[in-house]
């Protein structure tokens, strides 16, 4: 047994090992754990040179893993208009102020509006933006990223008129008279994405470091980036080489924006030809997954449903690709050795993904493929058992419950809701359920997410008895969703996810006991110190 460089004693350490062991101490050597045990057992590994840290009874968890978020968008929120949680008039006022500072030709860009939280939950209009900003193009993404609120100047800049037809897989929402409303969804966002100047390398580096600070402050040590561009990796590599980027990133390559199928295919093939990159920079950067989006979001009514939305007859949302198109792309990804991650929220999109995955696994058998469906949010009851049967991993964002519960029942109806947010059912059927926040769709705080998983309530404690509480997780499952299950989803269960000998020394010290504090307090848990590879990367002031 190695001698410890550092030992932590007198704590409450949830190791998240197979037995969910609770220990009082653990020891590190270099960037790895060498043991977890009693104070006496760990002291026996110490020498006169060992640094011994008294935890003073505080709780320690393995480094937390967010299995689905967006690094670039999270960091960019610090550079753009942050309109999260804002009412409509507040956003209009923010745009008016931004206009005063804008330079000729500049786009005013922001993200975070959520009409479901406004007194009038109808979609906003271009005229409301035109009133304060008629001369600069405005592009404000909905919180989910699957819709945007734009002004007339933005439409004019990209050449979209009242006569422009909707693209396949997206909509220019319209008024009853057929004129443009001012909201665009999914593939209809692409003309704007192409017109807005992309970030340069220095901006990308600033963005990832801003995001890193945010993640570390919440105890996150690994994040799965749900859609990564090669330019971002090039920018990150410079920072890894300089040892200023310390976050562990599991990247899923994606053709950014809302591409046509031809653009998707050609862009994807470049990734597949480049091949897998695993464990670079001391196990801090891996790019072995491929991400594709198959529908939109429930909030934007662009999630692809098998039947009409209950509150919008005649509308099923937007599927992105034919079965054959999806199969062709994913076949190439699998042939190149990539794990595949399909965004699917509606039951229509989830069925398409499961059908294509079933076909893929017959054509290219792999008992350890770990194919993923990101969100797996609304499932036809007959499709739920297919996840375990096929070995497909459903990646969830339990924090979505806090906002989606306001609209889900009316959008889906009493029958379909039984297959929505069905965490208990999926777990009981033997599925791991990696968790995340989809940040910046929701704040990256994992403890709010765990709170939603355990209580099925929003942060105001509503509804009083929980929303469909029969689908709640236990506290152990909530922690596993951010540790061992997340590690498994990235083929990294032998490296991280638990405090065990030989694994990377990633952990977080928190301010209260996750397993025993009142359930209402889980959302209030604070990270006191975050450690990556034995190095403290965050300490609460």
Protein backbone atom coordinates (compact mmCIF):
# COMPACT_ATOMS: atom_id res chain seq x y z
CA UNK A 1 0.00 0.00 0.00
CA UNK A 2 1.29 3.46 -0.89
CA UNK A 3 1.97 6.07 1.73
CA UNK A 4 -0.58 8.88 1.67
CA UNK A 5 0.39 12.34 0.42
CA UNK A 6 -2.80 13.70 1.96
CA UNK A 7 -5.32 12.18 4.36
CA UNK A 8 -8.80 13.43 5.24
CA UNK A 9 -10.17 12.21 8.58
CA UNK A 10 -13.13 12.72 10.93
CA UNK A 11 -15.75 13.14 8.22
CA UNK A 12 -18.89 11.51 6.88
CA UNK A 13 -17.77 10.13 3.54
CA UNK A 14 -20.35 8.71 1.15
CA UNK A 15 -18.11 6.62 -1.08
CA UNK A 16 -20.88 5.65 -3.58
CA UNK A 17 -19.13 2.29 -3.99
CA UNK A 18 -21.15 -0.82 -4.83
CA UNK A 19 -22.27 -1.25 -1.21
CA UNK A 20 -22.81 2.51 -0.75
CA UNK A 21 -20.31 2.37 2.11
CA UNK A 22 -20.01 5.25 4.57
CA UNK A 23 -16.52 5.92 5.90
CA UNK A 24 -14.93 8.57 8.10
CA UNK A 25 -11.66 9.01 6.23
CA UNK A 26 -9.78 8.56 2.96
CA UNK A 27 -6.28 9.00 1.61
CA UNK A 28 -4.71 10.29 -1.61
CA UNK A 29 -1.43 9.71 -3.39
CA UNK A 30 -0.81 11.91 -6.40
CA UNK A 31 -4.09 12.34 -8.28
CA UNK A 32 -5.68 9.10 -6.99
CA UNK A 33 -7.48 7.76 -3.97
CA UNK A 34 -5.49 4.99 -2.29
CA UNK A 35 -7.99 4.04 0.42
CA UNK A 36 -11.22 4.88 2.21
CA UNK A 37 -11.83 3.60 5.72
CA UNK A 38 -11.85 4.46 9.41
CA UNK A 39 -9.66 7.20 10.86
CA UNK A 40 -7.38 4.53 12.31
CA UNK A 41 -7.04 2.69 9.00
CA UNK A 42 -6.19 5.87 7.14
CA UNK A 43 -3.75 7.13 9.81
CA UNK A 44 -1.86 3.87 9.35
CA UNK A 45 -1.11 4.97 5.77
CA UNK A 46 0.37 8.29 6.88
CA UNK A 47 4.00 9.24 7.34
CA UNK A 48 5.56 12.29 8.94
CA UNK A 49 5.30 13.94 5.52
CA UNK A 50 1.58 13.29 5.07
CA UNK A 51 -0.73 16.29 5.21
CA UNK A 52 -3.65 15.36 7.49
CA UNK A 53 -6.86 17.36 7.14
CA UNK A 54 -9.59 17.22 9.81
CA UNK A 55 -13.01 17.32 8.13
CA UNK A 56 -14.62 18.18 11.49
CA UNK A 57 -17.61 15.98 10.77
CA UNK A 58 -18.41 17.48 7.40
CA UNK A 59 -19.89 15.44 4.55
CA UNK A 60 -17.86 14.37 1.52
CA UNK A 61 -19.24 13.12 -1.80
CA UNK A 62 -17.45 11.81 -4.88
CA UNK A 63 -16.84 14.50 -7.50
CA UNK A 64 -20.20 15.16 -9.13
CA UNK A 65 -20.82 14.46 -12.81
CA UNK A 66 -23.34 16.45 -14.84
CA UNK A 67 -24.15 14.06 -17.68
CA UNK A 68 -25.78 16.60 -19.98
CA UNK A 69 -25.04 20.29 -20.25
CA UNK A 70 -23.62 22.83 -22.68
CA UNK A 71 -20.28 24.32 -21.69
CA UNK A 72 -20.14 26.99 -24.38
CA UNK A 73 -23.68 28.23 -23.80
CA UNK A 74 -23.20 28.24 -20.02
CA UNK A 75 -20.09 30.40 -20.23
CA UNK A 76 -21.54 32.60 -22.97
CA UNK A 77 -24.39 33.56 -20.64
CA UNK A 78 -21.81 35.73 -18.87
CA UNK A 79 -21.10 37.63 -22.11
CA UNK A 80 -24.63 37.93 -23.53
CA UNK A 81 -27.94 39.19 -22.14
CA UNK A 82 -28.80 36.91 -19.23
CA UNK A 83 -32.59 36.89 -19.29
CA UNK A 84 -33.11 33.80 -17.12
CA UNK A 85 -36.11 34.23 -14.82
CA UNK A 86 -37.02 37.64 -16.28
CA UNK A 87 -40.53 38.77 -17.03
CA UNK A 88 -41.31 39.91 -20.56
CA UNK A 89 -41.20 43.64 -19.85
CA UNK A 90 -37.91 43.25 -17.98
CA UNK A 91 -36.44 41.61 -21.07
CA UNK A 92 -37.72 44.38 -23.32
CA UNK A 93 -36.11 46.93 -20.99
CA UNK A 94 -32.81 45.02 -21.11
CA UNK A 95 -32.88 45.05 -24.91
CA UNK A 96 -33.51 48.80 -24.87
CA UNK A 97 -30.42 49.32 -22.70
CA UNK A 98 -28.31 47.00 -24.86
CA UNK A 99 -29.32 48.99 -27.95
CA UNK A 100 -27.77 52.12 -26.45
CA UNK A 101 -24.36 50.40 -26.30
CA UNK A 102 -24.58 48.44 -29.57
CA UNK A 103 -22.24 49.14 -32.48
CA UNK A 104 -23.46 49.39 -36.10
CA UNK A 105 -24.34 45.98 -37.50
CA UNK A 106 -24.07 44.26 -34.11
CA UNK A 107 -26.57 41.59 -33.07
CA UNK A 108 -28.16 41.84 -29.63
CA UNK A 109 -28.12 38.25 -28.37
CA UNK A 110 -29.40 36.67 -25.16
CA UNK A 111 -30.86 33.52 -23.69
CA UNK A 112 -33.16 32.35 -20.94
CA UNK A 113 -36.73 33.56 -21.48
CA UNK A 114 -39.48 31.17 -20.46
CA UNK A 115 -43.00 32.21 -21.36
CA UNK A 116 -44.43 29.43 -19.17
CA UNK A 117 -43.40 31.55 -16.16
CA UNK A 118 -45.07 34.77 -17.37
CA UNK A 119 -48.60 35.77 -16.28
CA UNK A 120 -49.53 35.66 -19.98
CA UNK A 121 -47.80 32.49 -21.17
CA UNK A 122 -48.46 33.07 -24.86
CA UNK A 123 -45.43 33.49 -27.11
CA UNK A 124 -44.02 37.04 -27.41
CA UNK A 125 -44.10 39.07 -30.62
CA UNK A 126 -41.57 40.88 -32.78
CA UNK A 127 -43.45 44.15 -32.30
CA UNK A 128 -42.64 44.14 -28.59
CA UNK A 129 -38.94 44.17 -29.48
CA UNK A 130 -39.39 46.54 -32.43
CA UNK A 131 -40.82 49.16 -30.07
CA UNK A 132 -37.46 49.53 -28.29
CA UNK A 133 -35.03 48.25 -30.92
CA UNK A 134 -36.09 48.75 -34.53
CA UNK A 135 -32.57 49.19 -35.95
CA UNK A 136 -30.43 46.35 -34.53
CA UNK A 137 -31.20 42.66 -35.06
CA UNK A 138 -32.28 40.95 -31.83
CA UNK A 139 -32.05 37.19 -31.23
CA UNK A 140 -33.12 35.91 -27.81
CA UNK A 141 -33.07 32.15 -27.29
CA UNK A 142 -35.76 30.52 -25.21
CA UNK A 143 -34.34 28.79 -22.11
CA UNK A 144 -34.63 25.40 -23.81
CA UNK A 145 -32.64 26.56 -26.84
CA UNK A 146 -35.30 25.19 -29.20
CA UNK A 147 -36.92 28.53 -29.92
CA UNK A 148 -35.93 32.17 -30.25
CA UNK A 149 -37.67 35.54 -30.00
CA UNK A 150 -36.57 37.89 -32.77
CA UNK A 151 -37.42 41.37 -34.01
CA UNK A 152 -38.26 42.62 -37.50
CA UNK A 153 -34.68 43.74 -38.13
CA UNK A 154 -33.47 40.19 -37.49
CA UNK A 155 -35.98 38.78 -39.99
CA UNK A 156 -34.91 41.43 -42.50
CA UNK A 157 -31.21 40.71 -41.95
CA UNK A 158 -31.56 36.99 -42.72
CA UNK A 159 -34.11 37.46 -45.51
CA UNK A 160 -37.08 35.73 -43.90
CA UNK A 161 -40.44 37.23 -44.92
CA UNK A 162 -44.11 36.42 -44.44
CA UNK A 163 -43.88 34.32 -47.61
CA UNK A 164 -40.91 32.22 -46.48
CA UNK A 165 -42.03 28.59 -46.05
CA UNK A 166 -41.25 26.72 -42.85
CA UNK A 167 -38.17 24.50 -43.09
CA UNK A 168 -38.43 20.78 -42.43
CA UNK A 169 -38.13 20.29 -38.67
CA UNK A 170 -38.88 23.87 -37.65
CA UNK A 171 -41.41 26.69 -37.76
CA UNK A 172 -41.65 30.44 -38.17
CA UNK A 173 -44.56 30.91 -35.79
CA UNK A 174 -47.30 33.04 -37.30
CA UNK A 175 -50.25 35.20 -36.37
CA UNK A 176 -53.76 34.22 -37.44
CA UNK A 177 -53.34 36.34 -40.60
CA UNK A 178 -50.26 34.34 -41.61
CA UNK A 179 -47.71 37.07 -40.87
CA UNK A 180 -44.58 36.38 -38.81
CA UNK A 181 -45.16 36.38 -35.05
CA UNK A 182 -41.58 36.85 -33.90
CA UNK A 183 -40.72 33.37 -32.59
CA UNK A 184 -38.80 30.74 -34.56
CA UNK A 185 -38.28 27.11 -33.53
CA UNK A 186 -35.66 24.45 -34.16
CA UNK A 187 -34.55 24.28 -37.83
CA UNK A 188 -36.06 27.74 -38.41
CA UNK A 189 -33.31 29.11 -36.13
CA UNK A 190 -30.57 28.17 -38.58
CA UNK A 191 -30.64 31.33 -40.77
CA UNK A 192 -30.04 33.37 -37.61
CA UNK A 193 -27.33 31.01 -36.31
CA UNK A 194 -25.45 31.46 -39.58
CA UNK A 195 -25.83 35.25 -39.56
CA UNK A 196 -24.60 35.84 -36.00
CA UNK A 197 -20.78 36.04 -35.94
CA UNK A 198 -19.23 33.02 -34.16
CA UNK A 199 -16.95 33.41 -31.16
CA UNK A 200 -13.21 33.51 -31.82
CA UNK A 201 -10.62 31.40 -30.01
CA UNK A 202 -9.90 33.92 -27.26
CA UNK A 203 -13.62 34.33 -26.55
CA UNK A 204 -14.09 30.54 -26.50
CA UNK A 205 -11.27 30.26 -23.96
CA UNK A 206 -12.78 32.97 -21.79
CA UNK A 207 -16.15 31.24 -22.01
CA UNK A 208 -14.90 27.80 -20.91
CA UNK A 209 -13.02 29.28 -17.95
CA UNK A 210 -16.14 31.18 -16.86
CA UNK A 211 -18.12 27.95 -17.12
CA UNK A 212 -15.43 26.04 -15.22
CA UNK A 213 -15.68 28.47 -12.29
CA UNK A 214 -19.45 28.01 -12.21
CA UNK A 215 -19.23 24.21 -12.29
CA UNK A 216 -16.55 23.95 -9.60
CA UNK A 217 -18.55 26.22 -7.29
CA UNK A 218 -21.31 23.58 -7.28
CA UNK A 219 -19.08 20.54 -6.75
CA UNK A 220 -19.08 19.41 -10.37
CA UNK A 221 -15.77 17.87 -11.41
CA UNK A 222 -16.80 16.22 -14.69
CA UNK A 223 -19.30 17.45 -17.26
CA UNK A 224 -20.63 15.75 -20.37
CA UNK A 225 -20.78 18.44 -23.06
CA UNK A 226 -23.90 17.69 -25.10
CA UNK A 227 -22.71 18.86 -28.50
CA UNK A 228 -19.11 19.93 -29.05
CA UNK A 229 -17.50 21.70 -32.01
CA UNK A 230 -13.93 20.92 -33.07
CA UNK A 231 -13.00 24.61 -32.76
CA UNK A 232 -13.95 24.47 -29.08
CA UNK A 233 -11.68 21.49 -28.47
CA UNK A 234 -8.80 23.29 -30.17
CA UNK A 235 -9.35 26.29 -27.88
CA UNK A 236 -9.61 24.06 -24.80
CA UNK A 237 -6.44 22.13 -25.62
CA UNK A 238 -4.33 25.28 -25.33
CA UNK A 239 -5.77 25.86 -21.86
CA UNK A 240 -5.14 22.26 -20.81
CA UNK A 241 -1.54 22.60 -21.96
CA UNK A 242 -1.21 25.72 -19.80
CA UNK A 243 -2.84 23.87 -16.83
CA UNK A 244 -5.51 26.54 -16.39
CA UNK A 245 -8.38 24.36 -17.62
CA UNK A 246 -8.76 21.63 -14.99
CA UNK A 247 -12.35 20.56 -15.55
CA UNK A 248 -12.88 17.00 -16.77
CA UNK A 249 -14.85 17.12 -20.03
CA UNK A 250 -16.58 14.24 -21.80
CA UNK A 251 -17.28 15.70 -25.23
CA UNK A 252 -19.90 14.57 -27.71
CA UNK A 253 -19.10 15.87 -31.18
CA UNK A 254 -21.95 17.57 -32.99
CA UNK A 255 -22.53 19.62 -36.12
CA UNK A 256 -23.43 22.90 -34.43
CA UNK A 257 -26.59 24.85 -35.25
CA UNK A 258 -29.60 23.49 -37.11
CA UNK A 259 -27.96 21.95 -40.20
CA UNK A 260 -29.60 20.51 -43.29
CA UNK A 261 -29.11 16.78 -43.73
CA UNK A 262 -26.33 17.28 -46.28
CA UNK A 263 -24.53 19.65 -43.89
CA UNK A 264 -25.07 17.21 -41.05
CA UNK A 265 -23.65 14.29 -42.99
CA UNK A 266 -20.55 16.04 -44.31
CA UNK A 267 -19.80 17.68 -40.96
CA UNK A 268 -20.28 14.44 -39.05
CA UNK A 269 -18.00 12.47 -41.36
CA UNK A 270 -15.14 14.84 -40.49
CA UNK A 271 -15.55 13.89 -36.83
CA UNK A 272 -15.71 10.18 -37.59
CA UNK A 273 -12.57 10.37 -39.73
CA UNK A 274 -10.72 12.18 -36.94
CA UNK A 275 -11.53 9.31 -34.60
CA UNK A 276 -11.79 8.87 -30.83
CA UNK A 277 -9.73 10.81 -28.31
CA UNK A 278 -9.76 9.27 -24.85
CA UNK A 279 -8.20 10.35 -21.55
CA UNK A 280 -6.12 13.24 -22.85
CA UNK A 281 -4.40 15.72 -20.51
CA UNK A 282 -4.34 13.41 -17.49
CA UNK A 283 -7.86 12.11 -18.03
CA UNK A 284 -9.35 15.58 -18.38
CA UNK A 285 -10.57 15.49 -21.99
CA UNK A 286 -12.32 12.68 -23.83
CA UNK A 287 -14.12 12.95 -27.17
CA UNK A 288 -15.63 9.56 -27.95
CA UNK A 289 -19.33 10.37 -28.34
CA UNK A 290 -21.47 11.79 -31.14
CA UNK A 291 -24.60 13.88 -30.53
CA UNK A 292 -27.59 14.39 -32.80
CA UNK A 293 -30.90 16.12 -32.10
CA UNK A 294 -34.10 14.33 -33.13
CA UNK A 295 -36.77 16.79 -31.97
CA UNK A 296 -37.30 20.00 -30.01
CA UNK A 297 -38.69 20.73 -26.55
CA UNK A 298 -42.00 20.37 -24.74
CA UNK A 299 -42.05 24.04 -23.74
CA UNK A 300 -41.68 25.20 -27.34
CA UNK A 301 -44.22 22.54 -28.44
CA UNK A 302 -41.57 21.22 -30.81
CA UNK A 303 -41.02 17.86 -29.08
CA UNK A 304 -42.15 15.20 -31.56
CA UNK A 305 -45.21 13.36 -30.30
CA UNK A 306 -46.89 10.20 -31.60
CA UNK A 307 -50.28 11.90 -31.21
CA UNK A 308 -51.37 15.55 -31.26
CA UNK A 309 -50.59 17.83 -28.35
CA UNK A 310 -53.59 17.81 -26.02
CA UNK A 311 -53.61 21.62 -25.94
CA UNK A 312 -52.96 22.10 -29.69
CA UNK A 313 -54.99 19.73 -31.86
CA UNK A 314 -53.44 19.08 -35.26
CA UNK A 315 -49.89 19.62 -34.00
CA UNK A 316 -47.43 16.83 -33.16
CA UNK A 317 -44.22 18.87 -32.91
CA UNK A 318 -41.16 18.52 -35.12
CA UNK A 319 -39.17 15.44 -35.99
CA UNK A 320 -35.80 16.29 -37.54
CA UNK A 321 -34.85 13.31 -39.70
CA UNK A 322 -36.37 10.35 -41.49
CA UNK A 323 -35.61 6.95 -40.00
CA UNK A 324 -33.24 6.22 -42.88
CA UNK A 325 -31.36 9.51 -42.48
CA UNK A 326 -30.92 8.91 -38.76
CA UNK A 327 -29.83 5.31 -39.30
CA UNK A 328 -27.29 6.28 -41.97
CA UNK A 329 -25.59 8.88 -39.74
CA UNK A 330 -25.59 6.69 -36.64
CA UNK A 331 -24.31 3.70 -38.59
CA UNK A 332 -21.27 5.74 -39.64
CA UNK A 333 -20.78 6.89 -36.05
CA UNK A 334 -20.91 3.36 -34.67
CA UNK A 335 -18.66 2.03 -37.43
CA UNK A 336 -16.09 4.64 -36.35
CA UNK A 337 -16.41 3.50 -32.72
CA UNK A 338 -18.35 6.49 -31.38
CA UNK A 339 -20.91 6.25 -28.62
CA UNK A 340 -24.12 7.87 -29.88
CA UNK A 341 -26.29 10.33 -27.98
CA UNK A 342 -29.69 11.19 -29.47
CA UNK A 343 -31.68 14.13 -28.12
CA UNK A 344 -35.28 12.91 -27.87
CA UNK A 345 -37.99 14.47 -25.72
CA UNK A 346 -41.31 13.49 -27.30
CA UNK A 347 -42.58 9.91 -27.43
CA UNK A 348 -42.36 10.03 -31.23
CA UNK A 349 -38.68 10.95 -31.20
CA UNK A 350 -37.91 8.40 -28.48
CA UNK A 351 -39.58 5.63 -30.46
CA UNK A 352 -37.65 6.61 -33.59
CA UNK A 353 -34.37 6.48 -31.65
CA UNK A 354 -35.17 3.12 -30.07
CA UNK A 355 -36.19 1.68 -33.46
CA UNK A 356 -32.99 2.89 -35.10
CA UNK A 357 -30.86 1.71 -32.17
CA UNK A 358 -32.46 -1.73 -32.31
CA UNK A 359 -31.62 -1.96 -36.01
CA UNK A 360 -28.06 -0.70 -35.40
CA UNK A 361 -27.40 -3.26 -32.68
CA UNK A 362 -28.47 -6.04 -35.05
CA UNK A 363 -26.25 -4.73 -37.85
CA UNK A 364 -23.28 -3.85 -35.62
CA UNK A 365 -23.57 -6.04 -32.50
CA UNK A 366 -21.85 -4.68 -29.40
CA UNK A 367 -22.76 -5.92 -25.91
CA UNK A 368 -21.23 -2.78 -24.37
CA UNK A 369 -22.34 -0.07 -26.82
CA UNK A 370 -23.95 2.11 -24.12
CA UNK A 371 -26.01 3.99 -26.70
CA UNK A 372 -27.72 6.96 -25.07
CA UNK A 373 -30.97 8.85 -25.42
CA UNK A 374 -30.65 12.33 -24.00
CA UNK A 375 -33.73 13.47 -22.03
CA UNK A 376 -35.91 10.36 -22.72
CA UNK A 377 -38.58 12.59 -21.27
CA UNK A 378 -41.92 11.40 -22.66
CA UNK A 379 -42.15 7.69 -23.40
CA UNK A 380 -44.95 5.51 -24.69
CA UNK A 381 -45.47 2.89 -21.93
CA UNK A 382 -44.73 0.05 -24.34
CA UNK A 383 -41.35 1.61 -25.18
CA UNK A 384 -40.06 1.89 -21.60
CA UNK A 385 -38.96 -1.79 -21.30
CA UNK A 386 -36.96 -1.44 -24.53
CA UNK A 387 -34.30 0.66 -22.78
CA UNK A 388 -33.16 -2.19 -20.56
CA UNK A 389 -33.68 -4.81 -23.25
CA UNK A 390 -31.42 -2.91 -25.68
CA UNK A 391 -29.01 -1.59 -23.05
CA UNK A 392 -29.84 2.00 -24.04
CA UNK A 393 -29.02 4.59 -21.36
CA UNK A 394 -31.75 7.19 -20.63
CA UNK A 395 -30.08 10.42 -19.52
CA UNK A 396 -32.45 12.65 -17.54
CA UNK A 397 -32.54 16.18 -16.20
CA UNK A 398 -34.65 15.89 -13.07
CA UNK A 399 -34.56 19.66 -12.53
CA UNK A 400 -36.78 20.05 -15.62
CA UNK A 401 -39.64 19.01 -13.36
CA UNK A 402 -39.70 22.43 -11.67
CA UNK A 403 -40.87 24.20 -14.84
CA UNK A 404 -42.32 21.42 -17.00
CA UNK A 405 -44.87 20.43 -14.35
CA UNK A 406 -46.65 23.70 -15.10
CA UNK A 407 -47.47 22.68 -18.67
CA UNK A 408 -46.92 18.92 -18.99
CA UNK A 409 -50.34 17.72 -17.83
CA UNK A 410 -52.23 20.02 -20.20
CA UNK A 411 -49.86 19.36 -23.12
CA UNK A 412 -49.84 15.58 -22.71
CA UNK A 413 -53.14 14.64 -21.07
CA UNK A 414 -53.78 12.13 -18.27
CA UNK A 415 -52.83 9.02 -20.28
CA UNK A 416 -49.51 10.12 -21.77
CA UNK A 417 -48.30 11.77 -18.57
CA UNK A 418 -47.87 8.28 -17.06
CA UNK A 419 -44.93 7.70 -19.39
CA UNK A 420 -43.38 11.11 -18.74
CA UNK A 421 -40.54 11.81 -16.28
CA UNK A 422 -40.86 8.13 -15.34
CA UNK A 423 -37.70 7.85 -13.22
CA UNK A 424 -38.94 5.23 -10.77
CA UNK A 425 -40.22 3.00 -13.56
CA UNK A 426 -36.96 3.20 -15.50
CA UNK A 427 -34.81 2.53 -12.43
CA UNK A 428 -36.98 -0.37 -11.27
CA UNK A 429 -36.56 -1.98 -14.68
CA UNK A 430 -32.78 -2.00 -14.16
CA UNK A 431 -31.67 1.14 -15.98
CA UNK A 432 -28.95 3.50 -14.73
CA UNK A 433 -30.28 7.06 -14.86
CA UNK A 434 -27.46 9.60 -15.35
CA UNK A 435 -28.58 13.07 -14.33
CA UNK A 436 -27.79 16.58 -15.46
CA UNK A 437 -29.19 20.06 -15.86
CA UNK A 438 -28.83 20.88 -19.56
CA UNK A 439 -27.23 24.11 -18.32
CA UNK A 440 -27.89 26.87 -19.23
CA UNK A 441 -31.44 25.57 -19.80
CA UNK A 442 -31.45 25.22 -16.01
CA UNK A 443 -28.81 26.34 -13.53
CA UNK A 444 -26.07 23.72 -13.22
CA UNK A 445 -26.56 23.34 -9.43
CA UNK A 446 -26.73 19.55 -8.91
CA UNK A 447 -28.36 19.81 -5.49
CA UNK A 448 -31.48 21.51 -6.88
CA UNK A 449 -31.60 18.69 -9.41
CA UNK A 450 -31.27 16.04 -6.67
CA UNK A 451 -33.96 17.82 -4.65
CA UNK A 452 -36.36 17.62 -7.62
CA UNK A 453 -35.47 13.94 -8.07
CA UNK A 454 -36.25 13.08 -4.45
CA UNK A 455 -39.25 15.33 -3.74
CA UNK A 456 -40.82 15.86 -7.19
CA UNK A 457 -41.39 19.47 -6.07
CA UNK A 458 -40.18 22.88 -7.20
CA UNK A 459 -38.02 25.05 -4.95
CA UNK A 460 -41.16 26.60 -3.42
CA UNK A 461 -42.17 23.15 -2.18
CA UNK A 462 -44.99 22.78 -4.68
CA UNK A 463 -47.06 20.79 -5.21
CA UNK A 464 -47.30 19.94 -1.52
CA UNK A 465 -47.31 16.17 -2.01
CA UNK A 466 -45.05 16.18 -5.07
CA UNK A 467 -45.92 16.04 -8.76
CA UNK A 468 -46.67 12.39 -9.62
CA UNK A 469 -44.63 11.45 -6.51
CA UNK A 470 -44.74 7.74 -7.28
CA UNK A 471 -41.90 8.37 -9.77
CA UNK A 472 -39.48 9.90 -7.21
CA UNK A 473 -35.93 8.66 -6.62
CA UNK A 474 -34.41 7.73 -3.29
CA UNK A 475 -31.55 9.88 -1.99
CA UNK A 476 -29.03 7.15 -2.78
CA UNK A 477 -30.33 6.97 -6.35
CA UNK A 478 -30.18 10.75 -6.66
CA UNK A 479 -26.51 10.69 -5.63
CA UNK A 480 -25.76 7.77 -7.94
CA UNK A 481 -27.37 9.72 -10.78
CA UNK A 482 -24.59 12.29 -10.33
CA UNK A 483 -21.76 9.83 -9.63
CA UNK A 484 -21.62 6.15 -10.58
CA UNK A 485 -24.35 6.28 -13.22
CA UNK A 486 -22.78 9.33 -14.84
CA UNK A 487 -19.38 7.63 -14.86
CA UNK A 488 -20.90 4.53 -16.46
CA UNK A 489 -22.55 6.64 -19.16
CA UNK A 490 -19.08 7.85 -20.17
CA UNK A 491 -17.29 4.45 -19.95
CA UNK A 492 -15.40 5.88 -16.97
CA UNK A 493 -16.68 3.80 -14.05
CA UNK A 494 -13.16 2.50 -13.40
CA UNK A 495 -11.82 6.06 -13.19
CA UNK A 496 -14.43 8.06 -11.31
CA UNK A 497 -17.87 8.13 -9.72
CA UNK A 498 -16.88 6.77 -6.29
CA UNK A 499 -14.27 7.22 -3.57
CA UNK A 500 -12.31 4.00 -3.98
CA UNK A 501 -8.66 3.01 -4.21
CA UNK A 502 -7.23 3.58 -7.67
CA UNK A 503 -9.81 6.08 -8.83
CA UNK A 504 -9.19 9.73 -9.61
CA UNK A 505 -9.19 11.87 -6.46
CA UNK A 506 -12.20 13.99 -7.36
CA UNK A 507 -14.51 14.92 -4.48
CA UNK A 508 -16.57 17.69 -2.93
CA UNK A 509 -17.01 18.71 0.71
CA UNK A 510 -20.53 20.02 1.39
CA UNK A 511 -22.17 21.99 4.18
CA UNK A 512 -24.73 19.41 5.33
CA UNK A 513 -25.53 15.71 5.17
CA UNK A 514 -27.26 14.93 1.86
CA UNK A 515 -28.62 11.63 3.16
CA UNK A 516 -30.04 12.86 6.46
CA UNK A 517 -30.92 16.55 6.20
CA UNK A 518 -34.62 17.45 5.81
CA UNK A 519 -35.64 16.81 2.19
CA UNK A 520 -36.54 20.48 1.80
CA UNK A 521 -32.90 21.40 2.50
CA UNK A 522 -31.34 19.31 -0.27
CA UNK A 523 -31.78 22.21 -2.71
CA UNK A 524 -29.88 24.50 -0.31
CA UNK A 525 -26.75 22.36 -0.01
CA UNK A 526 -23.58 24.33 -0.74
CA UNK A 527 -20.20 23.09 -1.94
CA UNK A 528 -17.53 24.18 0.55
CA UNK A 529 -14.55 22.78 -1.33
CA UNK A 530 -14.15 21.04 -4.69
CA UNK A 531 -11.11 18.88 -5.45
CA UNK A 532 -10.03 17.54 -8.85
CA UNK A 533 -7.18 15.05 -9.02
CA UNK A 534 -6.17 15.89 -5.46
CA UNK A 535 -5.98 19.64 -6.20
CA UNK A 536 -8.38 22.08 -4.57
CA UNK A 537 -10.01 24.02 -7.40
CA UNK A 538 -12.72 25.81 -5.40
CA UNK A 539 -13.18 26.95 -1.81
CA UNK A 540 -16.26 28.79 -0.63
CA UNK A 541 -15.32 32.24 0.62
